[in-house]
Amino acid sequence: MEARCGADREPAVAACPVTGSEWVADEGTVGSYRLRGAGAVRGDDGKVLTDAATLELGLAGDGVTSSHPVVEGIAIVDGWMVPQATIPLDWNQPPPVAGRVYAADGELLATCGG
């Protein structure tokens, strides 16, 4: 996913500016990985979600997620993760990151990836 900060953009822009990287394999599956990225979190219409408060992220199909603050529509994420589920690791197409964007009151504002 592309991480860009700034003004609202057209729809189809990634809602969560975070990707998985630095994959560590464990017998053909993901042993650990790094979540990393920074930029605007966006709704389906491409607008920056300035009322967002939390970004929850993990690999698609895994129950393990990490929570990251969103300030004025911008998230900065950098952390190591160990998946709970057995997720195959294809070095040519690493697993996608999936996430949810929440408002301060817990309302789901957007989903991303997966």
PDB file of N, CA and C in Angstrom:
ATOM      1  N   MET A   1       0.835  -1.170   0.000  1.00  0.00           N
ATOM      2  CA  MET A   1       0.000   0.000   0.000  1.00  0.00           C
ATOM      3  C   MET A   1       0.880   1.233   0.000  1.00  0.00           C
ATOM      4  N   GLU A   2       0.395   2.247  -0.617  1.00  0.00           N
ATOM      5  CA  GLU A   2       1.119   3.485  -0.723  1.00  0.00           C
ATOM      6  C   GLU A   2       0.809   4.368   0.477  1.00  0.00           C
ATOM      7  N   ALA A   3       1.797   4.972   1.047  1.00  0.00           N
ATOM      8  CA  ALA A   3       1.614   5.840   2.203  1.00  0.00           C
ATOM      9  C   ALA A   3       1.821   7.283   1.785  1.00  0.00           C
ATOM     10  N   ARG A   4       0.749   8.043   1.706  1.00  0.00           N
ATOM     11  CA  ARG A   4       0.834   9.450   1.355  1.00  0.00           C
ATOM     12  C   ARG A   4       0.045  10.266   2.348  1.00  0.00           C
ATOM     13  N   CYS A   5       0.615  11.344   2.762  1.00  0.00           N
ATOM     14  CA  CYS A   5      -0.072  12.271   3.657  1.00  0.00           C
ATOM     15  C   CYS A   5      -0.664  13.381   2.804  1.00  0.00           C
ATOM     16  N   GLY A   6      -1.581  14.125   3.392  1.00  0.00           N
ATOM     17  CA  GLY A   6      -2.048  15.298   2.695  1.00  0.00           C
ATOM     18  C   GLY A   6      -3.529  15.356   2.497  1.00  0.00           C
ATOM     19  N   ALA A   7      -3.905  16.069   1.467  1.00  0.00           N
ATOM     20  CA  ALA A   7      -5.300  16.376   1.187  1.00  0.00           C
ATOM     21  C   ALA A   7      -6.088  15.144   0.784  1.00  0.00           C
ATOM     22  N   ASP A   8      -7.419  15.316   0.756  1.00  0.00           N
ATOM     23  CA  ASP A   8      -8.308  14.249   0.311  1.00  0.00           C
ATOM     24  C   ASP A   8      -7.968  13.885  -1.123  1.00  0.00           C
ATOM     25  N   ARG A   9      -8.171  12.611  -1.448  1.00  0.00           N
ATOM     26  CA  ARG A   9      -7.900  12.144  -2.794  1.00  0.00           C
ATOM     27  C   ARG A   9      -9.086  11.352  -3.300  1.00  0.00           C
ATOM     28  N   GLU A  10      -8.963  10.856  -4.490  1.00  0.00           N
ATOM     29  CA  GLU A  10     -10.054  10.110  -5.097  1.00  0.00           C
ATOM     30  C   GLU A  10     -10.283   8.782  -4.387  1.00  0.00           C
ATOM     31  N   PRO A  11     -11.507   8.217  -4.524  1.00  0.00           N
ATOM     32  CA  PRO A  11     -11.775   6.893  -3.945  1.00  0.00           C
ATOM     33  C   PRO A  11     -10.787   5.868  -4.484  1.00  0.00           C
ATOM     34  N   ALA A  12     -10.717   4.714  -3.848  1.00  0.00           N
ATOM     35  CA  ALA A  12      -9.820   3.607  -4.194  1.00  0.00           C
ATOM     36  C   ALA A  12      -8.416   3.836  -3.658  1.00  0.00           C
ATOM     37  N   VAL A  13      -8.223   4.874  -2.859  1.00  0.00           N
ATOM     38  CA  VAL A  13      -6.950   5.087  -2.188  1.00  0.00           C
ATOM     39  C   VAL A  13      -6.956   4.206  -0.946  1.00  0.00           C
ATOM     40  N   ALA A  14      -5.824   3.620  -0.618  1.00  0.00           N
ATOM     41  CA  ALA A  14      -5.744   2.734   0.544  1.00  0.00           C
ATOM     42  C   ALA A  14      -6.200   3.450   1.806  1.00  0.00           C
ATOM     43  N   ALA A  15      -7.089   2.795   2.564  1.00  0.00           N
ATOM     44  CA  ALA A  15      -7.595   3.386   3.804  1.00  0.00           C
ATOM     45  C   ALA A  15      -6.528   3.400   4.886  1.00  0.00           C
ATOM     46  N   CYS A  16      -5.661   2.407   4.892  1.00  0.00           N
ATOM     47  CA  CYS A  16      -4.629   2.284   5.923  1.00  0.00           C
ATOM     48  C   CYS A  16      -3.255   2.332   5.255  1.00  0.00           C
ATOM     49  N   PRO A  17      -2.431   3.279   5.628  1.00  0.00           N
ATOM     50  CA  PRO A  17      -1.130   3.451   4.967  1.00  0.00           C
ATOM     51  C   PRO A  17      -0.031   2.557   5.543  1.00  0.00           C
ATOM     52  N   VAL A  18      -0.337   1.278   5.762  1.00  0.00           N
ATOM     53  CA  VAL A  18       0.594   0.383   6.447  1.00  0.00           C
ATOM     54  C   VAL A  18       0.762  -0.903   5.646  1.00  0.00           C
ATOM     55  N   THR A  19       1.982  -1.427   5.635  1.00  0.00           N
ATOM     56  CA  THR A  19       2.261  -2.701   4.976  1.00  0.00           C
ATOM     57  C   THR A  19       3.035  -3.612   5.923  1.00  0.00           C
ATOM     58  N   GLY A  20       3.073  -4.882   5.574  1.00  0.00           N
ATOM     59  CA  GLY A  20       3.922  -5.832   6.265  1.00  0.00           C
ATOM     60  C   GLY A  20       5.269  -5.867   5.568  1.00  0.00           C
ATOM     61  N   SER A  21       6.327  -6.091   6.341  1.00  0.00           N
ATOM     62  CA  SER A  21       7.672  -6.170   5.769  1.00  0.00           C
ATOM     63  C   SER A  21       8.555  -6.982   6.700  1.00  0.00           C
ATOM     64  N   GLU A  22       9.783  -7.178   6.296  1.00  0.00           N
ATOM     65  CA  GLU A  22      10.788  -7.873   7.091  1.00  0.00           C
ATOM     66  C   GLU A  22      10.263  -9.216   7.616  1.00  0.00           C
ATOM     67  N   TRP A  23       9.735  -9.982   6.681  1.00  0.00           N
ATOM     68  CA  TRP A  23       9.118 -11.267   6.991  1.00  0.00           C
ATOM     69  C   TRP A  23      10.148 -12.256   7.523  1.00  0.00           C
ATOM     70  N   VAL A  24       9.774 -13.008   8.538  1.00  0.00           N
ATOM     71  CA  VAL A  24      10.601 -14.088   9.072  1.00  0.00           C
ATOM     72  C   VAL A  24       9.809 -15.376   8.878  1.00  0.00           C
ATOM     73  N   ALA A  25      10.396 -16.294   8.129  1.00  0.00           N
ATOM     74  CA  ALA A  25       9.706 -17.543   7.816  1.00  0.00           C
ATOM     75  C   ALA A  25       9.924 -18.588   8.908  1.00  0.00           C
ATOM     76  N   ASP A  26       8.914 -19.415   9.081  1.00  0.00           N
ATOM     77  CA  ASP A  26       8.981 -20.536  10.004  1.00  0.00           C
ATOM     78  C   ASP A  26       8.388 -21.736   9.278  1.00  0.00           C
ATOM     79  N   GLU A  27       9.232 -22.524   8.625  1.00  0.00           N
ATOM     80  CA  GLU A  27       8.806 -23.688   7.855  1.00  0.00           C
ATOM     81  C   GLU A  27       7.709 -23.363   6.845  1.00  0.00           C
ATOM     82  N   GLY A  28       7.925 -22.318   6.064  1.00  0.00           N
ATOM     83  CA  GLY A  28       6.998 -21.948   4.994  1.00  0.00           C
ATOM     84  C   GLY A  28       5.820 -21.099   5.429  1.00  0.00           C
ATOM     85  N   THR A  29       5.756 -20.756   6.703  1.00  0.00           N
ATOM     86  CA  THR A  29       4.689 -19.892   7.192  1.00  0.00           C
ATOM     87  C   THR A  29       5.308 -18.634   7.801  1.00  0.00           C
ATOM     88  N   VAL A  30       4.472 -17.658   8.088  1.00  0.00           N
ATOM     89  CA  VAL A  30       4.943 -16.418   8.694  1.00  0.00           C
ATOM     90  C   VAL A  30       5.258 -16.676  10.165  1.00  0.00           C
ATOM     91  N   GLY A  31       6.522 -16.482  10.543  1.00  0.00           N
ATOM     92  CA  GLY A  31       6.918 -16.608  11.940  1.00  0.00           C
ATOM     93  C   GLY A  31       6.759 -15.284  12.664  1.00  0.00           C
ATOM     94  N   SER A  32       7.151 -14.204  11.994  1.00  0.00           N
ATOM     95  CA  SER A  32       6.956 -12.845  12.505  1.00  0.00           C
ATOM     96  C   SER A  32       7.107 -11.884  11.331  1.00  0.00           C
ATOM     97  N   TYR A  33       6.690 -10.657  11.550  1.00  0.00           N
ATOM     98  CA  TYR A  33       6.765  -9.648  10.503  1.00  0.00           C
ATOM     99  C   TYR A  33       6.703  -8.272  11.157  1.00  0.00           C
ATOM    100  N   ARG A  34       6.998  -7.271  10.364  1.00  0.00           N
ATOM    101  CA  ARG A  34       6.965  -5.899  10.862  1.00  0.00           C
ATOM    102  C   ARG A  34       5.831  -5.146  10.177  1.00  0.00           C
ATOM    103  N   LEU A  35       5.007  -4.481  10.974  1.00  0.00           N
ATOM    104  CA  LEU A  35       3.992  -3.563  10.453  1.00  0.00           C
ATOM    105  C   LEU A  35       4.634  -2.189  10.431  1.00  0.00           C
ATOM    106  N   ARG A  36       4.551  -1.530   9.282  1.00  0.00           N
ATOM    107  CA  ARG A  36       5.219  -0.240   9.189  1.00  0.00           C
ATOM    108  C   ARG A  36       4.529   0.649   8.159  1.00  0.00           C
ATOM    109  N   GLY A  37       4.395   1.902   8.504  1.00  0.00           N
ATOM    110  CA  GLY A  37       3.844   2.880   7.582  1.00  0.00           C
ATOM    111  C   GLY A  37       3.386   4.127   8.310  1.00  0.00           C
ATOM    112  N   ALA A  38       3.142   5.159   7.548  1.00  0.00           N
ATOM    113  CA  ALA A  38       2.659   6.417   8.107  1.00  0.00           C
ATOM    114  C   ALA A  38       1.874   7.151   7.030  1.00  0.00           C
ATOM    115  N   GLY A  39       0.858   7.853   7.463  1.00  0.00           N
ATOM    116  CA  GLY A  39       0.072   8.636   6.526  1.00  0.00           C
ATOM    117  C   GLY A  39      -1.376   8.734   6.950  1.00  0.00           C
ATOM    118  N   ALA A  40      -2.157   9.276   6.058  1.00  0.00           N
ATOM    119  CA  ALA A  40      -3.574   9.510   6.325  1.00  0.00           C
ATOM    120  C   ALA A  40      -4.365   8.209   6.280  1.00  0.00           C
ATOM    121  N   VAL A  41      -5.308   8.070   7.213  1.00  0.00           N
ATOM    122  CA  VAL A  41      -6.288   6.990   7.141  1.00  0.00           C
ATOM    123  C   VAL A  41      -7.509   7.573   6.438  1.00  0.00           C
ATOM    124  N   ARG A  42      -8.105   6.797   5.554  1.00  0.00           N
ATOM    125  CA  ARG A  42      -9.137   7.324   4.667  1.00  0.00           C
ATOM    126  C   ARG A  42     -10.381   6.451   4.642  1.00  0.00           C
ATOM    127  N   GLY A  43     -11.499   7.079   4.343  1.00  0.00           N
ATOM    128  CA  GLY A  43     -12.748   6.367   4.159  1.00  0.00           C
ATOM    129  C   GLY A  43     -12.857   5.838   2.749  1.00  0.00           C
ATOM    130  N   ASP A  44     -13.959   5.139   2.455  1.00  0.00           N
ATOM    131  CA  ASP A  44     -14.180   4.585   1.117  1.00  0.00           C
ATOM    132  C   ASP A  44     -14.230   5.656   0.042  1.00  0.00           C
ATOM    133  N   ASP A  45     -14.576   6.883   0.431  1.00  0.00           N
ATOM    134  CA  ASP A  45     -14.658   7.975  -0.533  1.00  0.00           C
ATOM    135  C   ASP A  45     -13.316   8.672  -0.755  1.00  0.00           C
ATOM    136  N   GLY A  46     -12.259   8.210  -0.069  1.00  0.00           N
ATOM    137  CA  GLY A  46     -10.932   8.786  -0.234  1.00  0.00           C
ATOM    138  C   GLY A  46     -10.632   9.960   0.677  1.00  0.00           C
ATOM    139  N   LYS A  47     -11.626  10.386   1.467  1.00  0.00           N
ATOM    140  CA  LYS A  47     -11.413  11.534   2.350  1.00  0.00           C
ATOM    141  C   LYS A  47     -10.690  11.111   3.622  1.00  0.00           C
ATOM    142  N   VAL A  48      -9.830  11.995   4.112  1.00  0.00           N
ATOM    143  CA  VAL A  48      -9.103  11.741   5.339  1.00  0.00           C
ATOM    144  C   VAL A  48     -10.090  11.687   6.500  1.00  0.00           C
ATOM    145  N   LEU A  49      -9.972  10.660   7.334  1.00  0.00           N
ATOM    146  CA  LEU A  49     -10.872  10.471   8.469  1.00  0.00           C
ATOM    147  C   LEU A  49     -10.314  11.227   9.682  1.00  0.00           C
ATOM    148  N   THR A  50     -10.584  12.514   9.742  1.00  0.00           N
ATOM    149  CA  THR A  50     -10.054  13.345  10.827  1.00  0.00           C
ATOM    150  C   THR A  50     -10.664  13.002  12.182  1.00  0.00           C
ATOM    151  N   ASP A  51     -11.808  12.302  12.184  1.00  0.00           N
ATOM    152  CA  ASP A  51     -12.427  11.897  13.443  1.00  0.00           C
ATOM    153  C   ASP A  51     -11.973  10.507  13.895  1.00  0.00           C
ATOM    154  N   ALA A  52     -11.031   9.896  13.161  1.00  0.00           N
ATOM    155  CA  ALA A  52     -10.497   8.589  13.551  1.00  0.00           C
ATOM    156  C   ALA A  52      -9.624   8.730  14.791  1.00  0.00           C
ATOM    157  N   ALA A  53      -9.657   7.700  15.649  1.00  0.00           N
ATOM    158  CA  ALA A  53      -8.854   7.714  16.875  1.00  0.00           C
ATOM    159  C   ALA A  53      -7.921   6.509  16.984  1.00  0.00           C
ATOM    160  N   THR A  54      -8.329   5.378  16.387  1.00  0.00           N
ATOM    161  CA  THR A  54      -7.553   4.148  16.526  1.00  0.00           C
ATOM    162  C   THR A  54      -7.516   3.373  15.218  1.00  0.00           C
ATOM    163  N   LEU A  55      -6.359   2.808  14.923  1.00  0.00           N
ATOM    164  CA  LEU A  55      -6.171   1.937  13.772  1.00  0.00           C
ATOM    165  C   LEU A  55      -5.747   0.577  14.316  1.00  0.00           C
ATOM    166  N   GLU A  56      -6.545  -0.468  14.046  1.00  0.00           N
ATOM    167  CA  GLU A  56      -6.208  -1.840  14.459  1.00  0.00           C
ATOM    168  C   GLU A  56      -5.765  -2.601  13.230  1.00  0.00           C
ATOM    169  N   LEU A  57      -4.599  -3.249  13.311  1.00  0.00           N
ATOM    170  CA  LEU A  57      -4.009  -3.909  12.150  1.00  0.00           C
ATOM    171  C   LEU A  57      -3.457  -5.282  12.482  1.00  0.00           C
ATOM    172  N   GLY A  58      -3.411  -6.127  11.468  1.00  0.00           N
ATOM    173  CA  GLY A  58      -2.791  -7.446  11.549  1.00  0.00           C
ATOM    174  C   GLY A  58      -2.830  -8.064  10.164  1.00  0.00           C
ATOM    175  N   LEU A  59      -2.383  -9.300  10.042  1.00  0.00           N
ATOM    176  CA  LEU A  59      -2.470  -9.978   8.755  1.00  0.00           C
ATOM    177  C   LEU A  59      -3.880 -10.474   8.518  1.00  0.00           C
ATOM    178  N   ALA A  60      -4.319 -10.416   7.280  1.00  0.00           N
ATOM    179  CA  ALA A  60      -5.639 -10.937   6.917  1.00  0.00           C
ATOM    180  C   ALA A  60      -5.698 -12.412   7.314  1.00  0.00           C
ATOM    181  N   GLY A  61      -6.748 -12.802   8.000  1.00  0.00           N
ATOM    182  CA  GLY A  61      -6.928 -14.176   8.419  1.00  0.00           C
ATOM    183  C   GLY A  61      -6.322 -14.513   9.764  1.00  0.00           C
ATOM    184  N   ASP A  62      -5.737 -13.535  10.434  1.00  0.00           N
ATOM    185  CA  ASP A  62      -5.135 -13.776  11.745  1.00  0.00           C
ATOM    186  C   ASP A  62      -5.936 -13.052  12.816  1.00  0.00           C
ATOM    187  N   GLY A  63      -5.967 -13.605  14.004  1.00  0.00           N
ATOM    188  CA  GLY A  63      -6.686 -12.983  15.109  1.00  0.00           C
ATOM    189  C   GLY A  63      -5.862 -11.969  15.879  1.00  0.00           C
ATOM    190  N   VAL A  64      -4.570 -11.913  15.614  1.00  0.00           N
ATOM    191  CA  VAL A  64      -3.701 -10.995  16.338  1.00  0.00           C
ATOM    192  C   VAL A  64      -3.689  -9.644  15.629  1.00  0.00           C
ATOM    193  N   THR A  65      -4.004  -8.606  16.377  1.00  0.00           N
ATOM    194  CA  THR A  65      -3.935  -7.251  15.831  1.00  0.00           C
ATOM    195  C   THR A  65      -3.193  -6.363  16.820  1.00  0.00           C
ATOM    196  N   SER A  66      -2.736  -5.240  16.326  1.00  0.00           N
ATOM    197  CA  SER A  66      -2.152  -4.233  17.199  1.00  0.00           C
ATOM    198  C   SER A  66      -2.920  -2.941  16.992  1.00  0.00           C
ATOM    199  N   SER A  67      -2.993  -2.136  18.041  1.00  0.00           N
ATOM    200  CA  SER A  67      -3.729  -0.873  17.989  1.00  0.00           C
ATOM    201  C   SER A  67      -2.746   0.285  17.957  1.00  0.00           C
ATOM    202  N   HIS A  68      -3.078   1.278  17.135  1.00  0.00           N
ATOM    203  CA  HIS A  68      -2.216   2.441  16.969  1.00  0.00           C
ATOM    204  C   HIS A  68      -3.070   3.704  16.977  1.00  0.00           C
ATOM    205  N   PRO A  69      -2.605   4.755  17.630  1.00  0.00           N
ATOM    206  CA  PRO A  69      -3.385   5.991  17.670  1.00  0.00           C
ATOM    207  C   PRO A  69      -3.410   6.681  16.311  1.00  0.00           C
ATOM    208  N   VAL A  70      -4.508   7.381  16.077  1.00  0.00           N
ATOM    209  CA  VAL A  70      -4.649   8.225  14.888  1.00  0.00           C
ATOM    210  C   VAL A  70      -4.874   9.640  15.408  1.00  0.00           C
ATOM    211  N   VAL A  71      -4.077  10.573  14.941  1.00  0.00           N
ATOM    212  CA  VAL A  71      -4.175  11.958  15.384  1.00  0.00           C
ATOM    213  C   VAL A  71      -4.447  12.839  14.178  1.00  0.00           C
ATOM    214  N   GLU A  72      -5.587  13.516  14.205  1.00  0.00           N
ATOM    215  CA  GLU A  72      -6.009  14.397  13.107  1.00  0.00           C
ATOM    216  C   GLU A  72      -5.937  13.689  11.761  1.00  0.00           C
ATOM    217  N   GLY A  73      -6.324  12.408  11.762  1.00  0.00           N
ATOM    218  CA  GLY A  73      -6.397  11.633  10.521  1.00  0.00           C
ATOM    219  C   GLY A  73      -5.099  10.981  10.095  1.00  0.00           C
ATOM    220  N   ILE A  74      -4.037  11.115  10.886  1.00  0.00           N
ATOM    221  CA  ILE A  74      -2.734  10.572  10.516  1.00  0.00           C
ATOM    222  C   ILE A  74      -2.326   9.478  11.502  1.00  0.00           C
ATOM    223  N   ALA A  75      -1.843   8.361  10.966  1.00  0.00           N
ATOM    224  CA  ALA A  75      -1.353   7.251  11.793  1.00  0.00           C
ATOM    225  C   ALA A  75       0.122   7.015  11.485  1.00  0.00           C
ATOM    226  N   ILE A  76       0.862   6.675  12.528  1.00  0.00           N
ATOM    227  CA  ILE A  76       2.259   6.265  12.380  1.00  0.00           C
ATOM    228  C   ILE A  76       2.375   4.912  13.052  1.00  0.00           C
ATOM    229  N   VAL A  77       2.808   3.913  12.286  1.00  0.00           N
ATOM    230  CA  VAL A  77       2.844   2.537  12.777  1.00  0.00           C
ATOM    231  C   VAL A  77       4.240   1.955  12.562  1.00  0.00           C
ATOM    232  N   ASP A  78       4.764   1.334  13.595  1.00  0.00           N
ATOM    233  CA  ASP A  78       6.027   0.613  13.485  1.00  0.00           C
ATOM    234  C   ASP A  78       6.092  -0.386  14.627  1.00  0.00           C
ATOM    235  N   GLY A  79       5.957  -1.656  14.317  1.00  0.00           N
ATOM    236  CA  GLY A  79       6.004  -2.671  15.360  1.00  0.00           C
ATOM    237  C   GLY A  79       6.129  -4.065  14.791  1.00  0.00           C
ATOM    238  N   TRP A  80       6.689  -4.965  15.589  1.00  0.00           N
ATOM    239  CA  TRP A  80       6.843  -6.367  15.208  1.00  0.00           C
ATOM    240  C   TRP A  80       5.641  -7.170  15.685  1.00  0.00           C
ATOM    241  N   MET A  81       5.226  -8.121  14.871  1.00  0.00           N
ATOM    242  CA  MET A  81       4.058  -8.946  15.162  1.00  0.00           C
ATOM    243  C   MET A  81       4.407 -10.423  14.997  1.00  0.00           C
ATOM    244  N   VAL A  82       3.748 -11.266  15.782  1.00  0.00           N
ATOM    245  CA  VAL A  82       3.843 -12.714  15.644  1.00  0.00           C
ATOM    246  C   VAL A  82       2.411 -13.213  15.459  1.00  0.00           C
ATOM    247  N   PRO A  83       2.102 -13.775  14.291  1.00  0.00           N
ATOM    248  CA  PRO A  83       0.716 -14.221  14.059  1.00  0.00           C
ATOM    249  C   PRO A  83       0.341 -15.411  14.929  1.00  0.00           C
ATOM    250  N   GLN A  84      -0.939 -15.497  15.230  1.00  0.00           N
ATOM    251  CA  GLN A  84      -1.481 -16.628  15.978  1.00  0.00           C
ATOM    252  C   GLN A  84      -1.848 -17.755  15.017  1.00  0.00           C
ATOM    253  N   ALA A  85      -2.401 -17.394  13.874  1.00  0.00           N
ATOM    254  CA  ALA A  85      -2.813 -18.377  12.872  1.00  0.00           C
ATOM    255  C   ALA A  85      -1.605 -18.828  12.046  1.00  0.00           C
ATOM    256  N   THR A  86      -1.743 -19.975  11.409  1.00  0.00           N
ATOM    257  CA  THR A  86      -0.720 -20.454  10.482  1.00  0.00           C
ATOM    258  C   THR A  86      -0.996 -19.805   9.131  1.00  0.00           C
ATOM    259  N   ILE A  87      -0.118 -18.906   8.731  1.00  0.00           N
ATOM    260  CA  ILE A  87      -0.323 -18.148   7.500  1.00  0.00           C
ATOM    261  C   ILE A  87       0.830 -18.462   6.547  1.00  0.00           C
ATOM    262  N   PRO A  88       0.524 -19.055   5.377  1.00  0.00           N
ATOM    263  CA  PRO A  88       1.571 -19.382   4.412  1.00  0.00           C
ATOM    264  C   PRO A  88       2.328 -18.120   3.978  1.00  0.00           C
ATOM    265  N   LEU A  89       3.624 -18.269   3.784  1.00  0.00           N
ATOM    266  CA  LEU A  89       4.443 -17.148   3.332  1.00  0.00           C
ATOM    267  C   LEU A  89       4.950 -17.427   1.932  1.00  0.00           C
ATOM    268  N   ASP A  90       4.441 -16.673   0.976  1.00  0.00           N
ATOM    269  CA  ASP A  90       4.910 -16.705  -0.403  1.00  0.00           C
ATOM    270  C   ASP A  90       5.736 -15.430  -0.584  1.00  0.00           C
ATOM    271  N   TRP A  91       7.024 -15.580  -0.765  1.00  0.00           N
ATOM    272  CA  TRP A  91       7.913 -14.416  -0.832  1.00  0.00           C
ATOM    273  C   TRP A  91       7.555 -13.490  -1.993  1.00  0.00           C
ATOM    274  N   ASN A  92       6.927 -14.027  -3.048  1.00  0.00           N
ATOM    275  CA  ASN A  92       6.544 -13.196  -4.190  1.00  0.00           C
ATOM    276  C   ASN A  92       5.251 -12.429  -3.950  1.00  0.00           C
ATOM    277  N   GLN A  93       4.412 -12.947  -3.073  1.00  0.00           N
ATOM    278  CA  GLN A  93       3.150 -12.290  -2.725  1.00  0.00           C
ATOM    279  C   GLN A  93       2.905 -12.449  -1.232  1.00  0.00           C
ATOM    280  N   PRO A  94       3.573 -11.633  -0.416  1.00  0.00           N
ATOM    281  CA  PRO A  94       3.383 -11.743   1.036  1.00  0.00           C
ATOM    282  C   PRO A  94       1.923 -11.504   1.423  1.00  0.00           C
ATOM    283  N   PRO A  95       1.508 -12.017   2.558  1.00  0.00           N
ATOM    284  CA  PRO A  95       0.118 -11.858   2.995  1.00  0.00           C
ATOM    285  C   PRO A  95      -0.250 -10.382   3.160  1.00  0.00           C
ATOM    286  N   PRO A  96      -1.490 -10.043   2.863  1.00  0.00           N
ATOM    287  CA  PRO A  96      -1.919  -8.643   3.009  1.00  0.00           C
ATOM    288  C   PRO A  96      -2.207  -8.277   4.460  1.00  0.00           C
ATOM    289  N   VAL A  97      -2.030  -7.018   4.742  1.00  0.00           N
ATOM    290  CA  VAL A  97      -2.393  -6.458   6.043  1.00  0.00           C
ATOM    291  C   VAL A  97      -3.861  -6.058   5.974  1.00  0.00           C
ATOM    292  N   ALA A  98      -4.596  -6.335   7.035  1.00  0.00           N
ATOM    293  CA  ALA A  98      -6.002  -5.947   7.114  1.00  0.00           C
ATOM    294  C   ALA A  98      -6.193  -5.133   8.388  1.00  0.00           C
ATOM    295  N   GLY A  99      -7.150  -4.232   8.355  1.00  0.00           N
ATOM    296  CA  GLY A  99      -7.345  -3.420   9.543  1.00  0.00           C
ATOM    297  C   GLY A  99      -8.701  -2.749   9.597  1.00  0.00           C
ATOM    298  N   ARG A 100      -8.919  -2.083  10.727  1.00  0.00           N
ATOM    299  CA  ARG A 100     -10.151  -1.348  10.959  1.00  0.00           C
ATOM    300  C   ARG A 100      -9.788   0.002  11.569  1.00  0.00           C
ATOM    301  N   VAL A 101     -10.538   1.008  11.177  1.00  0.00           N
ATOM    302  CA  VAL A 101     -10.345   2.366  11.690  1.00  0.00           C
ATOM    303  C   VAL A 101     -11.555   2.707  12.545  1.00  0.00           C
ATOM    304  N   TYR A 102     -11.293   3.119  13.789  1.00  0.00           N
ATOM    305  CA  TYR A 102     -12.367   3.426  14.729  1.00  0.00           C
ATOM    306  C   TYR A 102     -12.325   4.884  15.182  1.00  0.00           C
ATOM    307  N   ALA A 103     -13.512   5.420  15.453  1.00  0.00           N
ATOM    308  CA  ALA A 103     -13.639   6.738  16.086  1.00  0.00           C
ATOM    309  C   ALA A 103     -13.406   6.569  17.583  1.00  0.00           C
ATOM    310  N   ALA A 104     -13.287   7.673  18.305  1.00  0.00           N
ATOM    311  CA  ALA A 104     -13.053   7.637  19.755  1.00  0.00           C
ATOM    312  C   ALA A 104     -14.165   6.921  20.496  1.00  0.00           C
ATOM    313  N   ASP A 105     -15.406   6.972  19.981  1.00  0.00           N
ATOM    314  CA  ASP A 105     -16.537   6.319  20.641  1.00  0.00           C
ATOM    315  C   ASP A 105     -16.683   4.844  20.269  1.00  0.00           C
ATOM    316  N   GLY A 106     -15.715   4.312  19.488  1.00  0.00           N
ATOM    317  CA  GLY A 106     -15.753   2.906  19.096  1.00  0.00           C
ATOM    318  C   GLY A 106     -16.473   2.632  17.798  1.00  0.00           C
ATOM    319  N   GLU A 107     -17.009   3.650  17.160  1.00  0.00           N
ATOM    320  CA  GLU A 107     -17.712   3.464  15.880  1.00  0.00           C
ATOM    321  C   GLU A 107     -16.695   3.061  14.805  1.00  0.00           C
ATOM    322  N   LEU A 108     -17.030   2.022  14.034  1.00  0.00           N
ATOM    323  CA  LEU A 108     -16.202   1.586  12.924  1.00  0.00           C
ATOM    324  C   LEU A 108     -16.351   2.575  11.780  1.00  0.00           C
ATOM    325  N   LEU A 109     -15.255   3.206  11.362  1.00  0.00           N
ATOM    326  CA  LEU A 109     -15.292   4.214  10.306  1.00  0.00           C
ATOM    327  C   LEU A 109     -14.899   3.665   8.947  1.00  0.00           C
ATOM    328  N   ALA A 110     -13.972   2.699   8.932  1.00  0.00           N
ATOM    329  CA  ALA A 110     -13.487   2.151   7.661  1.00  0.00           C
ATOM    330  C   ALA A 110     -12.764   0.839   7.920  1.00  0.00           C
ATOM    331  N   THR A 111     -12.631   0.039   6.860  1.00  0.00           N
ATOM    332  CA  THR A 111     -11.826  -1.168   6.901  1.00  0.00           C
ATOM    333  C   THR A 111     -10.792  -1.052   5.791  1.00  0.00           C
ATOM    334  N   CYS A 112      -9.738  -1.822   5.927  1.00  0.00           N
ATOM    335  CA  CYS A 112      -8.726  -1.791   4.876  1.00  0.00           C
ATOM    336  C   CYS A 112      -8.089  -3.153   4.699  1.00  0.00           C
ATOM    337  N   GLY A 113      -7.582  -3.388   3.513  1.00  0.00           N
ATOM    338  CA  GLY A 113      -6.842  -4.594   3.201  1.00  0.00           C
ATOM    339  C   GLY A 113      -7.649  -5.855   3.285  1.00  0.00           C
ATOM    340  N   GLY A 114      -6.910  -6.953   3.235  1.00  0.00           N
ATOM    341  CA  GLY A 114      -7.552  -8.250   3.369  1.00  0.00           C
ATOM    342  C   GLY A 114      -7.827  -8.850   2.082  1.00  0.00           C
TER     343      GLY A 114
END
